[in-house]
C-alpha atoms as a PDB file:
ATOM      1  CA  MET A   1      24.616  10.127   6.133  1.00  0.00           C
ATOM      2  CA  LYS A   2      23.841   6.659   5.000  1.00  0.00           C
ATOM      3  CA  SER A   3      21.646   6.728   1.854  1.00  0.00           C
ATOM      4  CA  GLU A   4      19.882   3.452   2.658  1.00  0.00           C
ATOM      5  CA  ILE A   5      18.157   4.985   5.667  1.00  0.00           C
ATOM      6  CA  GLY A   6      14.773   6.680   5.444  1.00  0.00           C
ATOM      7  CA  CYS A   7      13.368   9.319   7.769  1.00  0.00           C
ATOM      8  CA  VAL A   8       9.896  10.359   8.717  1.00  0.00           C
ATOM      9  CA  ILE A   9       9.854  13.776  10.276  1.00  0.00           C
ATOM     10  CA  MET A  10       6.838  13.857  12.566  1.00  0.00           C
ATOM     11  CA  ALA A  11       5.085  17.221  12.260  1.00  0.00           C
ATOM     12  CA  SER A  12       1.402  16.310  12.768  1.00  0.00           C
ATOM     13  CA  GLY A  13       0.934  17.343  16.371  1.00  0.00           C
ATOM     14  CA  LEU A  14      -1.715  19.901  17.382  1.00  0.00           C
ATOM     15  CA  ALA A  15       0.695  21.744  19.839  1.00  0.00           C
ATOM     16  CA  LYS A  16      -2.200  22.297  22.304  1.00  0.00           C
ATOM     17  CA  ARG A  17       0.224  23.087  25.113  1.00  0.00           C
ATOM     18  CA  PHE A  18       2.160  25.493  23.033  1.00  0.00           C
ATOM     19  CA  GLY A  19      -0.781  27.583  21.989  1.00  0.00           C
ATOM     20  CA  SER A  20       0.273  28.000  18.372  1.00  0.00           C
ATOM     21  CA  ASN A  21       2.193  26.037  15.745  1.00  0.00           C
ATOM     22  CA  LYS A  22       5.476  25.543  17.576  1.00  0.00           C
ATOM     23  CA  LEU A  23       7.220  24.148  14.456  1.00  0.00           C
ATOM     24  CA  LEU A  24       6.937  27.660  12.979  1.00  0.00           C
ATOM     25  CA  ALA A  25       8.280  29.429  16.114  1.00  0.00           C
ATOM     26  CA  GLU A  26      11.513  31.271  15.699  1.00  0.00           C
ATOM     27  CA  PHE A  27      14.700  29.429  16.697  1.00  0.00           C
ATOM     28  CA  ASP A  28      18.129  30.809  15.728  1.00  0.00           C
ATOM     29  CA  GLY A  29      16.534  33.093  13.195  1.00  0.00           C
ATOM     30  CA  LYS A  30      14.456  30.523  11.338  1.00  0.00           C
ATOM     31  CA  PRO A  31      11.379  28.399  11.934  1.00  0.00           C
ATOM     32  CA  LEU A  32      12.077  25.733  14.508  1.00  0.00           C
ATOM     33  CA  LEU A  33      11.340  22.945  12.047  1.00  0.00           C
ATOM     34  CA  CYS A  34      14.374  24.022   9.916  1.00  0.00           C
ATOM     35  CA  ARG A  35      16.515  22.461  12.644  1.00  0.00           C
ATOM     36  CA  ALA A  36      15.155  19.087  11.652  1.00  0.00           C
ATOM     37  CA  PHE A  37      15.831  19.788   8.003  1.00  0.00           C
ATOM     38  CA  ALA A  38      19.471  20.413   8.711  1.00  0.00           C
ATOM     39  CA  VAL A  39      19.920  17.394  10.936  1.00  0.00           C
ATOM     40  CA  THR A  40      18.380  14.917   8.524  1.00  0.00           C
ATOM     41  CA  GLU A  41      20.145  16.075   5.313  1.00  0.00           C
ATOM     42  CA  GLY A  42      21.249  13.109   3.278  1.00  0.00           C
ATOM     43  CA  LEU A  43      18.482  10.711   4.436  1.00  0.00           C
ATOM     44  CA  HIS A  44      15.513   9.707   2.267  1.00  0.00           C
ATOM     45  CA  ARG A  45      12.991  11.845   4.199  1.00  0.00           C
ATOM     46  CA  VAL A  46       9.561  13.066   4.252  1.00  0.00           C
ATOM     47  CA  VAL A  47       7.732  15.564   6.525  1.00  0.00           C
ATOM     48  CA  VAL A  48       4.284  14.290   7.568  1.00  0.00           C
ATOM     49  CA  THR A  49       1.944  17.093   8.639  1.00  0.00           C
ATOM     50  CA  ARG A  50      -1.567  18.298   9.078  1.00  0.00           C
ATOM     51  CA  SER A  51      -0.509  21.969   8.766  1.00  0.00           C
ATOM     52  CA  THR A  52      -0.782  23.875   5.521  1.00  0.00           C
ATOM     53  CA  GLU A  53       1.764  26.390   6.929  1.00  0.00           C
ATOM     54  CA  VAL A  54       4.225  23.554   7.565  1.00  0.00           C
ATOM     55  CA  GLN A  55       3.556  22.216   4.021  1.00  0.00           C
ATOM     56  CA  ALA A  56       4.329  25.609   2.569  1.00  0.00           C
ATOM     57  CA  LEU A  57       7.570  25.828   4.700  1.00  0.00           C
ATOM     58  CA  CYS A  58       8.764  22.437   3.337  1.00  0.00           C
ATOM     59  CA  GLU A  59       7.940  23.315  -0.178  1.00  0.00           C
ATOM     60  CA  LYS A  60       9.928  26.582   0.245  1.00  0.00           C
ATOM     61  CA  TYR A  61      12.968  24.690   1.284  1.00  0.00           C
ATOM     62  CA  GLY A  62      12.510  21.779  -1.172  1.00  0.00           C
ATOM     63  CA  ILE A  63      11.744  19.195   1.491  1.00  0.00           C
ATOM     64  CA  PRO A  64       9.445  16.360   0.588  1.00  0.00           C
ATOM     65  CA  VAL A  65       6.158  16.787   2.445  1.00  0.00           C
ATOM     66  CA  LEU A  66       2.898  14.741   2.832  1.00  0.00           C
ATOM     67  CA  HIS A  67      -0.056  16.800   3.944  1.00  0.00           C
ATOM     68  CA  HIS A  68      -2.943  14.792   5.483  1.00  0.00           C
ATOM     69  CA  THR A  69      -6.047  15.118   7.629  1.00  0.00           C
ATOM     70  CA  HIS A  70      -5.881  11.914   9.633  1.00  0.00           C
ATOM     71  CA  PRO A  71      -6.149  12.369  13.481  1.00  0.00           C
ATOM     72  CA  LEU A  72      -3.906   9.751  15.090  1.00  0.00           C
ATOM     73  CA  ARG A  73      -0.233   9.306  15.735  1.00  0.00           C
ATOM     74  CA  SER A  74      -0.435   5.881  14.190  1.00  0.00           C
ATOM     75  CA  ASP A  75      -1.655   7.548  10.953  1.00  0.00           C
ATOM     76  CA  THR A  76       1.536   9.728  10.819  1.00  0.00           C
ATOM     77  CA  VAL A  77       3.768   6.608  11.101  1.00  0.00           C
ATOM     78  CA  ARG A  78       1.817   4.689   8.596  1.00  0.00           C
ATOM     79  CA  LEU A  79       1.574   7.468   6.035  1.00  0.00           C
ATOM     80  CA  GLY A  80       5.229   8.323   6.343  1.00  0.00           C
ATOM     81  CA  LEU A  81       6.304   4.707   5.566  1.00  0.00           C
ATOM     82  CA  GLU A  82       3.797   4.307   2.806  1.00  0.00           C
ATOM     83  CA  CYS A  83       5.181   7.428   1.104  1.00  0.00           C
ATOM     84  CA  LEU A  84       8.865   6.351   1.406  1.00  0.00           C
ATOM     85  CA  ARG A  85       8.780   2.691   0.644  1.00  0.00           C
ATOM     86  CA  PRO A  86       7.707   2.862  -3.009  1.00  0.00           C
ATOM     87  CA  ARG A  87      10.368   5.569  -3.671  1.00  0.00           C
ATOM     88  CA  PHE A  88      13.170   3.854  -1.766  1.00  0.00           C
ATOM     89  CA  PRO A  89      12.441   0.124  -1.699  1.00  0.00           C
ATOM     90  CA  ALA A  90      15.964  -0.763  -0.591  1.00  0.00           C
ATOM     91  CA  MET A  91      15.693   1.062   2.732  1.00  0.00           C
ATOM     92  CA  SER A  92      17.224  -1.061   5.514  1.00  0.00           C
ATOM     93  CA  GLY A  93      15.806   1.133   8.190  1.00  0.00           C
ATOM     94  CA  CYS A  94      13.776   4.308   8.895  1.00  0.00           C
ATOM     95  CA  VAL A  95      14.246   7.055  11.504  1.00  0.00           C
ATOM     96  CA  PHE A  96      11.162   8.501  13.169  1.00  0.00           C
ATOM     97  CA  LEU A  97      12.211  11.979  14.272  1.00  0.00           C
ATOM     98  CA  PRO A  98       9.964  14.557  16.010  1.00  0.00           C
ATOM     99  CA  GLY A  99      10.096  17.972  14.368  1.00  0.00           C
ATOM    100  CA  ASP A 100      10.239  19.728  17.677  1.00  0.00           C
ATOM    101  CA  GLN A 101      13.621  18.680  19.145  1.00  0.00           C
ATOM    102  CA  PRO A 102      15.757  21.707  18.016  1.00  0.00           C
ATOM    103  CA  LEU A 103      18.854  20.818  19.949  1.00  0.00           C
ATOM    104  CA  LEU A 104      19.317  17.399  18.430  1.00  0.00           C
ATOM    105  CA  THR A 105      22.599  17.540  16.546  1.00  0.00           C
ATOM    106  CA  ARG A 106      23.554  16.111  13.245  1.00  0.00           C
ATOM    107  CA  LYS A 107      26.597  14.506  14.792  1.00  0.00           C
ATOM    108  CA  THR A 108      24.463  12.541  17.206  1.00  0.00           C
ATOM    109  CA  LEU A 109      22.032  11.403  14.596  1.00  0.00           C
ATOM    110  CA  CYS A 110      24.799  10.397  12.238  1.00  0.00           C
ATOM    111  CA  GLY A 111      26.399   8.509  14.990  1.00  0.00           C
ATOM    112  CA  MET A 112      23.267   6.535  15.719  1.00  0.00           C
ATOM    113  CA  VAL A 113      22.675   5.848  12.035  1.00  0.00           C
ATOM    114  CA  SER A 114      26.241   4.681  11.534  1.00  0.00           C
ATOM    115  CA  ALA A 115      26.053   2.358  14.519  1.00  0.00           C
ATOM    116  CA  PHE A 116      22.846   0.870  13.201  1.00  0.00           C
ATOM    117  CA  CYS A 117      24.402   0.356   9.693  1.00  0.00           C
ATOM    118  CA  ALA A 118      27.361  -1.382  11.270  1.00  0.00           C
ATOM    119  CA  GLU A 119      25.108  -4.183  12.496  1.00  0.00           C
ATOM    120  CA  PRO A 120      25.187  -7.225  10.090  1.00  0.00           C
ATOM    121  CA  ASP A 121      21.560  -7.969  10.958  1.00  0.00           C
ATOM    122  CA  ARG A 122      20.463  -4.287  11.080  1.00  0.00           C
ATOM    123  CA  LYS A 123      17.104  -4.908   9.405  1.00  0.00           C
ATOM    124  CA  SER A 124      16.070  -6.656  12.641  1.00  0.00           C
ATOM    125  CA  GLN A 125      17.509  -4.003  14.933  1.00  0.00           C
ATOM    126  CA  ILE A 126      15.917  -0.994  16.696  1.00  0.00           C
ATOM    127  CA  PHE A 127      18.152   1.888  17.740  1.00  0.00           C
ATOM    128  CA  ARG A 128      16.775   4.555  20.178  1.00  0.00           C
ATOM    129  CA  LEU A 129      18.341   7.715  21.331  1.00  0.00           C
ATOM    130  CA  CYS A 130      18.654   7.867  25.182  1.00  0.00           C
ATOM    131  CA  GLU A 131      19.517  10.438  27.906  1.00  0.00           C
ATOM    132  CA  PRO A 132      23.352  10.152  28.340  1.00  0.00           C
ATOM    133  CA  GLN A 133      23.368   9.899  32.159  1.00  0.00           C
ATOM    134  CA  SER A 134      20.198   8.020  33.068  1.00  0.00           C
ATOM    135  CA  GLY A 135      19.811   5.959  29.864  1.00  0.00           C
ATOM    136  CA  THR A 136      16.119   7.044  29.747  1.00  0.00           C
ATOM    137  CA  PRO A 137      14.910   6.254  26.160  1.00  0.00           C
ATOM    138  CA  GLY A 138      13.501   8.971  23.998  1.00  0.00           C
ATOM    139  CA  SER A 139      13.499  10.032  20.335  1.00  0.00           C
ATOM    140  CA  PRO A 140      14.395   9.702  17.530  1.00  0.00           C
ATOM    141  CA  VAL A 141      13.997   5.965  16.998  1.00  0.00           C
ATOM    142  CA  LEU A 142      15.467   4.056  14.107  1.00  0.00           C
ATOM    143  CA  PHE A 143      13.567   0.870  13.145  1.00  0.00           C
ATOM    144  CA  GLY A 144      14.995  -1.876  10.920  1.00  0.00           C
ATOM    145  CA  ALA A 145      12.984  -2.878   7.844  1.00  0.00           C
ATOM    146  CA  ASP A 146      11.719  -6.014   9.538  1.00  0.00           C
ATOM    147  CA  TYR A 147       9.406  -3.837  11.591  1.00  0.00           C
ATOM    148  CA  PHE A 148       7.896  -1.787   8.785  1.00  0.00           C
ATOM    149  CA  GLU A 149       4.705  -3.910   8.490  1.00  0.00           C
ATOM    150  CA  GLU A 150       4.148  -3.701  12.273  1.00  0.00           C
ATOM    151  CA  LEU A 151       4.542   0.005  12.139  1.00  0.00           C
ATOM    152  CA  ARG A 152       2.059   0.277   9.294  1.00  0.00           C
ATOM    153  CA  SER A 153      -0.538  -1.577  11.344  1.00  0.00           C
ATOM    154  CA  LEU A 154      -0.135   0.128  14.769  1.00  0.00           C
ATOM    155  CA  PRO A 155      -3.170   0.202  17.078  1.00  0.00           C
ATOM    156  CA  GLU A 156      -5.133   3.383  16.747  1.00  0.00           C
ATOM    157  CA  GLY A 157      -3.409   6.251  18.393  1.00  0.00           C
ATOM    158  CA  ARG A 158      -0.304   4.368  19.276  1.00  0.00           C
ATOM    159  CA  GLY A 159       3.215   5.350  18.123  1.00  0.00           C
ATOM    160  CA  GLY A 160       6.283   3.307  17.299  1.00  0.00           C
ATOM    161  CA  GLY A 161       7.136   2.938  20.942  1.00  0.00           C
ATOM    162  CA  ALA A 162       4.592   0.047  21.026  1.00  0.00           C
ATOM    163  CA  VAL A 163       6.725  -1.889  18.513  1.00  0.00           C
ATOM    164  CA  ALA A 164       9.934  -1.084  20.414  1.00  0.00           C
ATOM    165  CA  LYS A 165       8.319  -2.379  23.648  1.00  0.00           C
ATOM    166  CA  ARG A 166       7.170  -5.511  21.963  1.00  0.00           C
ATOM    167  CA  HIS A 167      10.725  -6.253  20.731  1.00  0.00           C
ATOM    168  CA  ALA A 168      12.609  -4.903  23.749  1.00  0.00           C
ATOM    169  CA  GLU A 169      15.380  -7.471  23.263  1.00  0.00           C
ATOM    170  CA  LYS A 170      16.204  -5.890  19.879  1.00  0.00           C
ATOM    171  CA  VAL A 171      16.454  -2.356  21.199  1.00  0.00           C
ATOM    172  CA  THR A 172      19.845  -0.744  21.380  1.00  0.00           C
ATOM    173  CA  LEU A 173      20.017   2.596  23.408  1.00  0.00           C
ATOM    174  CA  PHE A 174      22.304   5.097  21.787  1.00  0.00           C
ATOM    175  CA  PRO A 175      23.428   7.861  24.245  1.00  0.00           C
ATOM    176  CA  ALA A 176      22.873  11.428  23.186  1.00  0.00           C
ATOM    177  CA  ARG A 177      26.009  13.656  23.559  1.00  0.00           C
ATOM    178  CA  HIS A 178      24.022  16.268  25.526  1.00  0.00           C
ATOM    179  CA  PRO A 179      20.803  15.766  27.532  1.00  0.00           C
ATOM    180  CA  ALA A 180      19.089  18.681  25.773  1.00  0.00           C
ATOM    181  CA  GLU A 181      19.178  16.861  22.467  1.00  0.00           C
ATOM    182  CA  LEU A 182      16.124  14.847  23.668  1.00  0.00           C
ATOM    183  CA  MET A 183      14.045  17.885  24.806  1.00  0.00           C
ATOM    184  CA  ASP A 184      10.814  18.690  23.001  1.00  0.00           C
ATOM    185  CA  ALA A 185       9.698  22.322  22.711  1.00  0.00           C
ATOM    186  CA  ASP A 186       6.294  21.476  24.140  1.00  0.00           C
ATOM    187  CA  THR A 187       5.559  24.938  25.680  1.00  0.00           C
ATOM    188  CA  PRO A 188       6.819  28.499  25.176  1.00  0.00           C
ATOM    189  CA  ASP A 189       8.668  28.224  28.449  1.00  0.00           C
ATOM    190  CA  VAL A 190      10.503  25.068  27.337  1.00  0.00           C
ATOM    191  CA  LEU A 191      11.288  26.771  24.024  1.00  0.00           C
ATOM    192  CA  ALA A 192      12.788  29.714  25.907  1.00  0.00           C
ATOM    193  CA  GLU A 193      14.897  27.261  27.988  1.00  0.00           C
ATOM    194  CA  LEU A 194      16.136  25.571  24.771  1.00  0.00           C
ATOM    195  CA  LYS A 195      17.137  28.917  23.329  1.00  0.00           C
ATOM    196  CA  MET A 196      19.095  29.692  26.468  1.00  0.00           C
ATOM    197  CA  ILE A 197      20.935  26.336  26.324  1.00  0.00           C
ATOM    198  CA  PHE A 198      21.710  26.903  22.612  1.00  0.00           C
ATOM    199  CA  GLN A 199      23.030  30.353  23.179  1.00  0.00           C
ATOM    200  CA  ASN A 200      24.998  29.682  26.333  1.00  0.00           C
ATOM    201  CA  ASP A 201      26.079  26.100  26.577  1.00  0.00           C
ATOM    202  CA  SER A 202      29.608  25.533  25.150  1.00  0.00           C
ATOM    203  CA  PHE A 203      28.441  22.261  23.603  1.00  0.00           C
ATOM    204  CA  TYR A 204      26.552  24.228  20.904  1.00  0.00           C
ATOM    205  CA  ARG A 205      29.203  26.776  20.195  1.00  0.00           C
END
């Protein structure tokens, strides 16, 4: 994985629809968030969370973590960047990756990062994972460094999608290799579906 790329693992959601902390739910024998740890290995990364349990999990696995009490999605983006930039000032881009996409593969993420890094003007580029058949955009999103200040000053409650929409002409959609890579484990039923795909779909074998 390219060492010039940062990664904010978004783990601050309240999981109201799930009913408990979904990032700690079991997936393939480990807490679900561990899937994000494996996928992002090699990036300059930080997990941004409001959960003391998630903080403890990150510390157990030696993953940098920032615990906070701010309420908004924009806070998670801002805090993640403010944590990473002083430590890695040469970052040319930063991935914003939800912690609840357990079927995202390392190969797909590496492919998107490599395609971004191949761009001569990558600091002004935005790469976004999309559904392979329909092209519907999703997450994760990789923003070039030119957008860091906009991301740090997002309107209250807004996510990075607002910046991507503002600069639509700079967005490159990168197709996932499997539609389930973009699926969030928003409810126990969806998590059960994701487990079935992981266990039975030949793509994951």
